[in-house]
């Protein structure tokens, strides 16, 4: 019988990895070749950033503008890495490989585990299952779209924008700040579209996250953020417990 972190990790990995089909289709629709779409999935491996990049290109923006937007979105993975550094005590090539695998899903899976050992198991399972499935389905989606020919006739030209909206939609239910950031970002982008080249309004819209004030530590439910029964401090991951 599979352990909980392996069972849950495989389920999450396969479910998310299947979305690679949409990315492969969106990338080819935006003008990328099949090899370019596959290389992007292999080496970028962060869905939101990949969709942001092909979305800008599909809208007529430059590669530089698309890459800048993708880097801004991908920067959050650096914060995940800081949080997970103690949970993933690997060194050398294994640490480099682990850094490549730190994304929303692997971080969420690892940080939700009760022990450091389960956190590492979850991380490896989610990373491996998403990476393999995502890259395989990117190839499938890219090849299928390439064979279609006229992608506009099937509405695939709108796929990258639609999928990107689907990725961020759950965030809008998290709180008032998230909705305020979304509304302000949309307003900035719409105001800039008539005056700036494609791709630049998206970059300007990211400033909304800096303008809208965030919640401090006291804004968390429960005040001190301690898990029930933890005594408010949590255990160090090195001793086998994940700090909450």
Foldseek 3Di string as FASTA:
>chain_A
DDDVLLVVLLVLQQVLLLCLLLLLQLQVLLPDALVVLLVCCQQVVEVLLSLQQSLLSLVVHDNVLSNVLSVVVVVVLVVLCVQCCQLDVDDDPVVVVLSSQRYDQLSVSLLVDFWSVSSVVNNVNNSVSNSVSSSVSSSVNNVVNVVVPPVVVVVSSCSSVVVSCVVCVVVCPPDDLSVQLVVQLVVQLVVCVVPDDGSVSNVVSVCSNVVRDDDDCCPDPPRLPADPPCVSFWDRNVVIGRGD
